[in-house]
Amino acid sequence: MRADYEAGLNSTANSLTGTVGPDSAGIAGASVTLATLEGAVINTTQTDSSGHYVFSDVSPGYYNLTVTKLGYWPDSDPVTVTAEEPNNRGRYAVHDI
């Protein structure tokens, strides 16, 4: 099974939001971590019952977004947050073990 997650920036609210899950189905209880490229953790959250997550008050910059869930391979990918692009999106995958 492949579990995709999509990260989108809502620059008006300075938040980074997305969904973890295959296609439109979400994966509840996945851990999503936002960290600097140097590895300093900014925040960690859990996906809700629909697989959604939100990071509030995200400053423009370069980050790593990591998704983990027991039974799935973890995935970590770079995310660029810019004030100029309100829909900065990336698509990534975590795979079951």
PDB file of N, CA and C in Angstrom:
ATOM      1  N   MET A   1       0.838  -1.180   0.000  1.00  0.00           N
ATOM      2  CA  MET A   1       0.000   0.000   0.000  1.00  0.00           C
ATOM      3  C   MET A   1       0.879   1.238   0.000  1.00  0.00           C
ATOM      4  N   ARG A   2       0.507   2.216  -0.758  1.00  0.00           N
ATOM      5  CA  ARG A   2       1.226   3.472  -0.798  1.00  0.00           C
ATOM      6  C   ARG A   2       0.390   4.533  -0.090  1.00  0.00           C
ATOM      7  N   ALA A   3       1.042   5.302   0.771  1.00  0.00           N
ATOM      8  CA  ALA A   3       0.366   6.376   1.485  1.00  0.00           C
ATOM      9  C   ALA A   3       1.023   7.692   1.095  1.00  0.00           C
ATOM     10  N   ASP A   4       0.305   8.530   0.381  1.00  0.00           N
ATOM     11  CA  ASP A   4       0.837   9.813  -0.034  1.00  0.00           C
ATOM     12  C   ASP A   4       0.463  10.879   0.981  1.00  0.00           C
ATOM     13  N   TYR A   5       1.315  11.893   1.064  1.00  0.00           N
ATOM     14  CA  TYR A   5       0.907  13.068   1.812  1.00  0.00           C
ATOM     15  C   TYR A   5       1.240  14.302   1.023  1.00  0.00           C
ATOM     16  N   GLU A   6       0.384  15.292   1.149  1.00  0.00           N
ATOM     17  CA  GLU A   6       0.548  16.525   0.407  1.00  0.00           C
ATOM     18  C   GLU A   6       0.624  17.681   1.390  1.00  0.00           C
ATOM     19  N   ALA A   7       1.601  18.525   1.209  1.00  0.00           N
ATOM     20  CA  ALA A   7       1.782  19.686   2.076  1.00  0.00           C
ATOM     21  C   ALA A   7       1.479  20.940   1.289  1.00  0.00           C
ATOM     22  N   GLY A   8       0.605  21.749   1.810  1.00  0.00           N
ATOM     23  CA  GLY A   8       0.290  23.007   1.147  1.00  0.00           C
ATOM     24  C   GLY A   8       0.409  24.151   2.130  1.00  0.00           C
ATOM     25  N   LEU A   9       0.884  25.284   1.670  1.00  0.00           N
ATOM     26  CA  LEU A   9       1.043  26.456   2.523  1.00  0.00           C
ATOM     27  C   LEU A   9      -0.130  27.388   2.336  1.00  0.00           C
ATOM     28  N   ASN A  10      -0.749  27.774   3.429  1.00  0.00           N
ATOM     29  CA  ASN A  10      -1.758  28.823   3.416  1.00  0.00           C
ATOM     30  C   ASN A  10      -1.066  30.052   3.970  1.00  0.00           C
ATOM     31  N   SER A  11      -0.544  30.902   3.094  1.00  0.00           N
ATOM     32  CA  SER A  11       0.301  32.009   3.545  1.00  0.00           C
ATOM     33  C   SER A  11      -0.474  33.071   4.300  1.00  0.00           C
ATOM     34  N   THR A  12      -1.781  33.173   4.087  1.00  0.00           N
ATOM     35  CA  THR A  12      -2.573  34.155   4.817  1.00  0.00           C
ATOM     36  C   THR A  12      -2.577  33.850   6.305  1.00  0.00           C
ATOM     37  N   ALA A  13      -2.722  32.579   6.637  1.00  0.00           N
ATOM     38  CA  ALA A  13      -2.773  32.167   8.040  1.00  0.00           C
ATOM     39  C   ALA A  13      -1.407  31.710   8.550  1.00  0.00           C
ATOM     40  N   ASN A  14      -0.368  31.778   7.691  1.00  0.00           N
ATOM     41  CA  ASN A  14       0.966  31.287   8.054  1.00  0.00           C
ATOM     42  C   ASN A  14       0.909  29.872   8.595  1.00  0.00           C
ATOM     43  N   SER A  15       0.191  29.015   7.900  1.00  0.00           N
ATOM     44  CA  SER A  15       0.085  27.629   8.349  1.00  0.00           C
ATOM     45  C   SER A  15       0.483  26.684   7.232  1.00  0.00           C
ATOM     46  N   LEU A  16       0.944  25.515   7.625  1.00  0.00           N
ATOM     47  CA  LEU A  16       1.295  24.445   6.706  1.00  0.00           C
ATOM     48  C   LEU A  16       0.315  23.323   6.984  1.00  0.00           C
ATOM     49  N   THR A  17      -0.465  22.944   5.987  1.00  0.00           N
ATOM     50  CA  THR A  17      -1.502  21.934   6.183  1.00  0.00           C
ATOM     51  C   THR A  17      -1.351  20.831   5.163  1.00  0.00           C
ATOM     52  N   GLY A  18      -1.879  19.673   5.471  1.00  0.00           N
ATOM     53  CA  GLY A  18      -1.829  18.579   4.523  1.00  0.00           C
ATOM     54  C   GLY A  18      -2.603  17.379   5.007  1.00  0.00           C
ATOM     55  N   THR A  19      -2.546  16.321   4.225  1.00  0.00           N
ATOM     56  CA  THR A  19      -3.227  15.064   4.524  1.00  0.00           C
ATOM     57  C   THR A  19      -2.255  13.928   4.285  1.00  0.00           C
ATOM     58  N   VAL A  20      -2.231  12.981   5.187  1.00  0.00           N
ATOM     59  CA  VAL A  20      -1.424  11.774   5.058  1.00  0.00           C
ATOM     60  C   VAL A  20      -2.374  10.640   4.735  1.00  0.00           C
ATOM     61  N   GLY A  21      -2.139   9.986   3.596  1.00  0.00           N
ATOM     62  CA  GLY A  21      -2.982   8.859   3.246  1.00  0.00           C
ATOM     63  C   GLY A  21      -2.962   8.562   1.768  1.00  0.00           C
ATOM     64  N   PRO A  22      -3.375   7.362   1.399  1.00  0.00           N
ATOM     65  CA  PRO A  22      -3.432   6.996  -0.011  1.00  0.00           C
ATOM     66  C   PRO A  22      -4.626   7.670  -0.672  1.00  0.00           C
ATOM     67  N   ASP A  23      -4.369   8.322  -1.793  1.00  0.00           N
ATOM     68  CA  ASP A  23      -5.419   9.014  -2.540  1.00  0.00           C
ATOM     69  C   ASP A  23      -6.187   9.961  -1.606  1.00  0.00           C
ATOM     70  N   SER A  24      -7.515   9.818  -1.525  1.00  0.00           N
ATOM     71  CA  SER A  24      -8.303  10.719  -0.676  1.00  0.00           C
ATOM     72  C   SER A  24      -8.554  10.142   0.716  1.00  0.00           C
ATOM     73  N   ALA A  25      -8.181   8.885   0.938  1.00  0.00           N
ATOM     74  CA  ALA A  25      -8.370   8.278   2.256  1.00  0.00           C
ATOM     75  C   ALA A  25      -7.227   8.701   3.170  1.00  0.00           C
ATOM     76  N   GLY A  26      -7.547   9.146   4.364  1.00  0.00           N
ATOM     77  CA  GLY A  26      -6.521   9.600   5.298  1.00  0.00           C
ATOM     78  C   GLY A  26      -6.082   8.509   6.249  1.00  0.00           C
ATOM     79  N   ILE A  27      -4.875   8.677   6.793  1.00  0.00           N
ATOM     80  CA  ILE A  27      -4.348   7.756   7.795  1.00  0.00           C
ATOM     81  C   ILE A  27      -4.317   8.490   9.126  1.00  0.00           C
ATOM     82  N   ALA A  28      -5.131   8.056  10.058  1.00  0.00           N
ATOM     83  CA  ALA A  28      -5.208   8.674  11.383  1.00  0.00           C
ATOM     84  C   ALA A  28      -4.000   8.276  12.221  1.00  0.00           C
ATOM     85  N   GLY A  29      -3.565   9.180  13.080  1.00  0.00           N
ATOM     86  CA  GLY A  29      -2.534   8.867  14.053  1.00  0.00           C
ATOM     87  C   GLY A  29      -1.118   8.838  13.522  1.00  0.00           C
ATOM     88  N   ALA A  30      -0.894   9.334  12.308  1.00  0.00           N
ATOM     89  CA  ALA A  30       0.476   9.431  11.794  1.00  0.00           C
ATOM     90  C   ALA A  30       1.161  10.614  12.472  1.00  0.00           C
ATOM     91  N   SER A  31       2.435  10.473  12.744  1.00  0.00           N
ATOM     92  CA  SER A  31       3.217  11.550  13.342  1.00  0.00           C
ATOM     93  C   SER A  31       3.842  12.370  12.220  1.00  0.00           C
ATOM     94  N   VAL A  32       3.627  13.696  12.265  1.00  0.00           N
ATOM     95  CA  VAL A  32       4.170  14.597  11.253  1.00  0.00           C
ATOM     96  C   VAL A  32       5.060  15.600  11.975  1.00  0.00           C
ATOM     97  N   THR A  33       6.323  15.663  11.559  1.00  0.00           N
ATOM     98  CA  THR A  33       7.299  16.534  12.213  1.00  0.00           C
ATOM     99  C   THR A  33       7.827  17.555  11.216  1.00  0.00           C
ATOM    100  N   LEU A  34       7.850  18.807  11.635  1.00  0.00           N
ATOM    101  CA  LEU A  34       8.431  19.892  10.855  1.00  0.00           C
ATOM    102  C   LEU A  34       9.727  20.296  11.534  1.00  0.00           C
ATOM    103  N   ALA A  35      10.832  20.255  10.787  1.00  0.00           N
ATOM    104  CA  ALA A  35      12.150  20.561  11.351  1.00  0.00           C
ATOM    105  C   ALA A  35      12.931  21.445  10.388  1.00  0.00           C
ATOM    106  N   THR A  36      13.926  22.150  10.922  1.00  0.00           N
ATOM    107  CA  THR A  36      14.827  22.912  10.068  1.00  0.00           C
ATOM    108  C   THR A  36      15.695  21.935   9.291  1.00  0.00           C
ATOM    109  N   LEU A  37      16.362  22.417   8.264  1.00  0.00           N
ATOM    110  CA  LEU A  37      17.261  21.549   7.497  1.00  0.00           C
ATOM    111  C   LEU A  37      18.424  21.060   8.340  1.00  0.00           C
ATOM    112  N   GLU A  38      18.731  21.808   9.414  1.00  0.00           N
ATOM    113  CA  GLU A  38      19.801  21.399  10.328  1.00  0.00           C
ATOM    114  C   GLU A  38      19.329  20.351  11.328  1.00  0.00           C
ATOM    115  N   GLY A  39      18.032  20.058  11.350  1.00  0.00           N
ATOM    116  CA  GLY A  39      17.503  19.018  12.227  1.00  0.00           C
ATOM    117  C   GLY A  39      16.820  19.487  13.487  1.00  0.00           C
ATOM    118  N   ALA A  40      16.756  20.796  13.717  1.00  0.00           N
ATOM    119  CA  ALA A  40      16.054  21.307  14.902  1.00  0.00           C
ATOM    120  C   ALA A  40      14.543  21.182  14.691  1.00  0.00           C
ATOM    121  N   VAL A  41      13.873  20.466  15.594  1.00  0.00           N
ATOM    122  CA  VAL A  41      12.440  20.243  15.471  1.00  0.00           C
ATOM    123  C   VAL A  41      11.687  21.531  15.799  1.00  0.00           C
ATOM    124  N   ILE A  42      10.844  21.949  14.872  1.00  0.00           N
ATOM    125  CA  ILE A  42       9.987  23.117  15.061  1.00  0.00           C
ATOM    126  C   ILE A  42       8.730  22.694  15.812  1.00  0.00           C
ATOM    127  N   ASN A  43       8.105  21.606  15.337  1.00  0.00           N
ATOM    128  CA  ASN A  43       6.879  21.119  15.961  1.00  0.00           C
ATOM    129  C   ASN A  43       6.579  19.719  15.434  1.00  0.00           C
ATOM    130  N   THR A  44       5.853  18.949  16.225  1.00  0.00           N
ATOM    131  CA  THR A  44       5.368  17.632  15.826  1.00  0.00           C
ATOM    132  C   THR A  44       3.886  17.570  16.152  1.00  0.00           C
ATOM    133  N   THR A  45       3.115  16.977  15.248  1.00  0.00           N
ATOM    134  CA  THR A  45       1.682  16.828  15.467  1.00  0.00           C
ATOM    135  C   THR A  45       1.249  15.447  14.995  1.00  0.00           C
ATOM    136  N   GLN A  46       0.042  15.076  15.326  1.00  0.00           N
ATOM    137  CA  GLN A  46      -0.550  13.816  14.887  1.00  0.00           C
ATOM    138  C   GLN A  46      -1.677  14.120  13.911  1.00  0.00           C
ATOM    139  N   THR A  47      -1.855  13.263  12.915  1.00  0.00           N
ATOM    140  CA  THR A  47      -2.976  13.445  12.004  1.00  0.00           C
ATOM    141  C   THR A  47      -4.276  13.112  12.722  1.00  0.00           C
ATOM    142  N   ASP A  48      -5.350  13.783  12.308  1.00  0.00           N
ATOM    143  CA  ASP A  48      -6.657  13.524  12.904  1.00  0.00           C
ATOM    144  C   ASP A  48      -7.283  12.279  12.262  1.00  0.00           C
ATOM    145  N   SER A  49      -8.547  12.025  12.555  1.00  0.00           N
ATOM    146  CA  SER A  49      -9.208  10.807  12.066  1.00  0.00           C
ATOM    147  C   SER A  49      -9.317  10.770  10.546  1.00  0.00           C
ATOM    148  N   SER A  50      -9.178  11.926   9.886  1.00  0.00           N
ATOM    149  CA  SER A  50      -9.229  11.997   8.422  1.00  0.00           C
ATOM    150  C   SER A  50      -7.846  12.076   7.795  1.00  0.00           C
ATOM    151  N   GLY A  51      -6.794  12.014   8.621  1.00  0.00           N
ATOM    152  CA  GLY A  51      -5.436  12.078   8.115  1.00  0.00           C
ATOM    153  C   GLY A  51      -4.897  13.487   7.929  1.00  0.00           C
ATOM    154  N   HIS A  52      -5.640  14.499   8.393  1.00  0.00           N
ATOM    155  CA  HIS A  52      -5.227  15.893   8.227  1.00  0.00           C
ATOM    156  C   HIS A  52      -4.299  16.338   9.353  1.00  0.00           C
ATOM    157  N   TYR A  53      -3.407  17.277   9.019  1.00  0.00           N
ATOM    158  CA  TYR A  53      -2.534  17.898  10.013  1.00  0.00           C
ATOM    159  C   TYR A  53      -2.397  19.380   9.709  1.00  0.00           C
ATOM    160  N   VAL A  54      -2.041  20.158  10.747  1.00  0.00           N
ATOM    161  CA  VAL A  54      -1.848  21.600  10.606  1.00  0.00           C
ATOM    162  C   VAL A  54      -0.672  22.030  11.468  1.00  0.00           C
ATOM    163  N   PHE A  55       0.209  22.835  10.880  1.00  0.00           N
ATOM    164  CA  PHE A  55       1.244  23.539  11.637  1.00  0.00           C
ATOM    165  C   PHE A  55       0.924  25.023  11.512  1.00  0.00           C
ATOM    166  N   SER A  56       0.726  25.698  12.637  1.00  0.00           N
ATOM    167  CA  SER A  56       0.411  27.124  12.643  1.00  0.00           C
ATOM    168  C   SER A  56       1.668  27.948  12.822  1.00  0.00           C
ATOM    169  N   ASP A  57       1.591  29.207  12.406  1.00  0.00           N
ATOM    170  CA  ASP A  57       2.680  30.175  12.592  1.00  0.00           C
ATOM    171  C   ASP A  57       4.000  29.686  12.012  1.00  0.00           C
ATOM    172  N   VAL A  58       3.982  29.236  10.765  1.00  0.00           N
ATOM    173  CA  VAL A  58       5.191  28.774  10.087  1.00  0.00           C
ATOM    174  C   VAL A  58       5.815  29.957   9.340  1.00  0.00           C
ATOM    175  N   SER A  59       7.046  30.264   9.659  1.00  0.00           N
ATOM    176  CA  SER A  59       7.763  31.342   8.979  1.00  0.00           C
ATOM    177  C   SER A  59       8.281  30.854   7.630  1.00  0.00           C
ATOM    178  N   PRO A  60       8.380  31.757   6.641  1.00  0.00           N
ATOM    179  CA  PRO A  60       8.977  31.354   5.367  1.00  0.00           C
ATOM    180  C   PRO A  60      10.385  30.796   5.586  1.00  0.00           C
ATOM    181  N   GLY A  61      10.722  29.752   4.855  1.00  0.00           N
ATOM    182  CA  GLY A  61      12.037  29.142   4.989  1.00  0.00           C
ATOM    183  C   GLY A  61      12.057  27.744   4.413  1.00  0.00           C
ATOM    184  N   TYR A  62      13.157  27.049   4.668  1.00  0.00           N
ATOM    185  CA  TYR A  62      13.365  25.684   4.181  1.00  0.00           C
ATOM    186  C   TYR A  62      13.265  24.731   5.368  1.00  0.00           C
ATOM    187  N   TYR A  63      12.472  23.673   5.198  1.00  0.00           N
ATOM    188  CA  TYR A  63      12.210  22.731   6.278  1.00  0.00           C
ATOM    189  C   TYR A  63      12.277  21.305   5.758  1.00  0.00           C
ATOM    190  N   ASN A  64      12.331  20.354   6.678  1.00  0.00           N
ATOM    191  CA  ASN A  64      12.107  18.942   6.397  1.00  0.00           C
ATOM    192  C   ASN A  64      10.773  18.573   7.019  1.00  0.00           C
ATOM    193  N   LEU A  65       9.947  17.890   6.255  1.00  0.00           N
ATOM    194  CA  LEU A  65       8.664  17.387   6.738  1.00  0.00           C
ATOM    195  C   LEU A  65       8.777  15.871   6.782  1.00  0.00           C
ATOM    196  N   THR A  66       8.598  15.297   7.963  1.00  0.00           N
ATOM    197  CA  THR A  66       8.767  13.862   8.152  1.00  0.00           C
ATOM    198  C   THR A  66       7.452  13.247   8.622  1.00  0.00           C
ATOM    199  N   VAL A  67       7.080  12.143   8.008  1.00  0.00           N
ATOM    200  CA  VAL A  67       5.860  11.422   8.382  1.00  0.00           C
ATOM    201  C   VAL A  67       6.250  10.019   8.814  1.00  0.00           C
ATOM    202  N   THR A  68       5.750   9.618   9.988  1.00  0.00           N
ATOM    203  CA  THR A  68       5.983   8.264  10.481  1.00  0.00           C
ATOM    204  C   THR A  68       4.677   7.676  10.998  1.00  0.00           C
ATOM    205  N   LYS A  69       4.563   6.372  10.884  1.00  0.00           N
ATOM    206  CA  LYS A  69       3.405   5.644  11.399  1.00  0.00           C
ATOM    207  C   LYS A  69       3.828   4.194  11.531  1.00  0.00           C
ATOM    208  N   LEU A  70       3.533   3.587  12.664  1.00  0.00           N
ATOM    209  CA  LEU A  70       3.861   2.188  12.879  1.00  0.00           C
ATOM    210  C   LEU A  70       3.271   1.348  11.749  1.00  0.00           C
ATOM    211  N   GLY A  71       4.102   0.499  11.148  1.00  0.00           N
ATOM    212  CA  GLY A  71       3.662  -0.335  10.050  1.00  0.00           C
ATOM    213  C   GLY A  71       3.955   0.249   8.680  1.00  0.00           C
ATOM    214  N   TYR A  72       4.488   1.481   8.643  1.00  0.00           N
ATOM    215  CA  TYR A  72       4.836   2.142   7.387  1.00  0.00           C
ATOM    216  C   TYR A  72       6.296   2.565   7.425  1.00  0.00           C
ATOM    217  N   TRP A  73       6.926   2.613   6.255  1.00  0.00           N
ATOM    218  CA  TRP A  73       8.262   3.168   6.171  1.00  0.00           C
ATOM    219  C   TRP A  73       8.160   4.664   6.393  1.00  0.00           C
ATOM    220  N   PRO A  74       9.035   5.256   7.181  1.00  0.00           N
ATOM    221  CA  PRO A  74       9.004   6.713   7.366  1.00  0.00           C
ATOM    222  C   PRO A  74       9.482   7.419   6.099  1.00  0.00           C
ATOM    223  N   ASP A  75       9.068   8.661   5.942  1.00  0.00           N
ATOM    224  CA  ASP A  75       9.516   9.450   4.806  1.00  0.00           C
ATOM    225  C   ASP A  75       9.803  10.866   5.269  1.00  0.00           C
ATOM    226  N   SER A  76      10.849  11.446   4.736  1.00  0.00           N
ATOM    227  CA  SER A  76      11.227  12.808   5.067  1.00  0.00           C
ATOM    228  C   SER A  76      11.626  13.512   3.779  1.00  0.00           C
ATOM    229  N   ASP A  77      11.030  14.657   3.533  1.00  0.00           N
ATOM    230  CA  ASP A  77      11.300  15.394   2.315  1.00  0.00           C
ATOM    231  C   ASP A  77      11.388  16.883   2.613  1.00  0.00           C
ATOM    232  N   PRO A  78      12.161  17.614   1.798  1.00  0.00           N
ATOM    233  CA  PRO A  78      12.263  19.055   2.004  1.00  0.00           C
ATOM    234  C   PRO A  78      10.983  19.775   1.593  1.00  0.00           C
ATOM    235  N   VAL A  79      10.655  20.819   2.322  1.00  0.00           N
ATOM    236  CA  VAL A  79       9.500  21.662   2.028  1.00  0.00           C
ATOM    237  C   VAL A  79       9.979  23.107   2.059  1.00  0.00           C
ATOM    238  N   THR A  80       9.654  23.868   1.031  1.00  0.00           N
ATOM    239  CA  THR A  80       9.984  25.281   0.987  1.00  0.00           C
ATOM    240  C   THR A  80       8.725  26.081   1.263  1.00  0.00           C
ATOM    241  N   VAL A  81       8.763  26.911   2.269  1.00  0.00           N
ATOM    242  CA  VAL A  81       7.642  27.777   2.624  1.00  0.00           C
ATOM    243  C   VAL A  81       7.992  29.186   2.172  1.00  0.00           C
ATOM    244  N   THR A  82       7.192  29.726   1.238  1.00  0.00           N
ATOM    245  CA  THR A  82       7.420  31.080   0.757  1.00  0.00           C
ATOM    246  C   THR A  82       6.149  31.897   0.906  1.00  0.00           C
ATOM    247  N   ALA A  83       6.295  33.158   1.229  1.00  0.00           N
ATOM    248  CA  ALA A  83       5.148  34.048   1.355  1.00  0.00           C
ATOM    249  C   ALA A  83       4.563  34.386  -0.015  1.00  0.00           C
ATOM    250  N   GLU A  84       5.381  34.268  -1.074  1.00  0.00           N
ATOM    251  CA  GLU A  84       4.935  34.642  -2.408  1.00  0.00           C
ATOM    252  C   GLU A  84       4.031  33.601  -3.051  1.00  0.00           C
ATOM    253  N   GLU A  85       4.112  32.342  -2.603  1.00  0.00           N
ATOM    254  CA  GLU A  85       3.326  31.284  -3.215  1.00  0.00           C
ATOM    255  C   GLU A  85       2.386  30.659  -2.189  1.00  0.00           C
ATOM    256  N   PRO A  86       1.118  31.116  -2.199  1.00  0.00           N
ATOM    257  CA  PRO A  86       0.185  30.621  -1.190  1.00  0.00           C
ATOM    258  C   PRO A  86      -0.155  29.144  -1.318  1.00  0.00           C
ATOM    259  N   ASN A  87       0.139  28.513  -2.450  1.00  0.00           N
ATOM    260  CA  ASN A  87      -0.158  27.092  -2.614  1.00  0.00           C
ATOM    261  C   ASN A  87       1.090  26.305  -2.959  1.00  0.00           C
ATOM    262  N   ASN A  88       2.154  26.496  -2.188  1.00  0.00           N
ATOM    263  CA  ASN A  88       3.398  25.754  -2.368  1.00  0.00           C
ATOM    264  C   ASN A  88       3.123  24.307  -1.967  1.00  0.00           C
ATOM    265  N   ARG A  89       3.133  23.390  -2.941  1.00  0.00           N
ATOM    266  CA  ARG A  89       2.743  22.013  -2.644  1.00  0.00           C
ATOM    267  C   ARG A  89       3.807  21.031  -3.055  1.00  0.00           C
ATOM    268  N   GLY A  90       3.904  19.943  -2.293  1.00  0.00           N
ATOM    269  CA  GLY A  90       4.777  18.834  -2.642  1.00  0.00           C
ATOM    270  C   GLY A  90       4.059  17.544  -2.345  1.00  0.00           C
ATOM    271  N   ARG A  91       4.359  16.506  -3.072  1.00  0.00           N
ATOM    272  CA  ARG A  91       3.711  15.216  -2.852  1.00  0.00           C
ATOM    273  C   ARG A  91       4.784  14.189  -2.520  1.00  0.00           C
ATOM    274  N   TYR A  92       4.560  13.459  -1.461  1.00  0.00           N
ATOM    275  CA  TYR A  92       5.546  12.504  -0.952  1.00  0.00           C
ATOM    276  C   TYR A  92       4.839  11.202  -0.613  1.00  0.00           C
ATOM    277  N   ALA A  93       5.593  10.179  -0.317  1.00  0.00           N
ATOM    278  CA  ALA A  93       4.984   8.878  -0.035  1.00  0.00           C
ATOM    279  C   ALA A  93       5.635   8.203   1.152  1.00  0.00           C
ATOM    280  N   VAL A  94       4.818   7.511   1.944  1.00  0.00           N
ATOM    281  CA  VAL A  94       5.320   6.567   2.937  1.00  0.00           C
ATOM    282  C   VAL A  94       4.746   5.208   2.550  1.00  0.00           C
ATOM    283  N   HIS A  95       5.545   4.167   2.665  1.00  0.00           N
ATOM    284  CA  HIS A  95       5.132   2.838   2.237  1.00  0.00           C
ATOM    285  C   HIS A  95       5.066   1.902   3.427  1.00  0.00           C
ATOM    286  N   ASP A  96       4.094   0.983   3.384  1.00  0.00           N
ATOM    287  CA  ASP A  96       4.009   0.039   4.492  1.00  0.00           C
ATOM    288  C   ASP A  96       5.186  -0.918   4.448  1.00  0.00           C
ATOM    289  N   ILE A  97       5.476  -1.486   5.608  1.00  0.00           N
ATOM    290  CA  ILE A  97       6.638  -2.372   5.758  1.00  0.00           C
ATOM    291  C   ILE A  97       6.296  -3.756   5.235  1.00  0.00           C
TER     292      ILE A  97
END
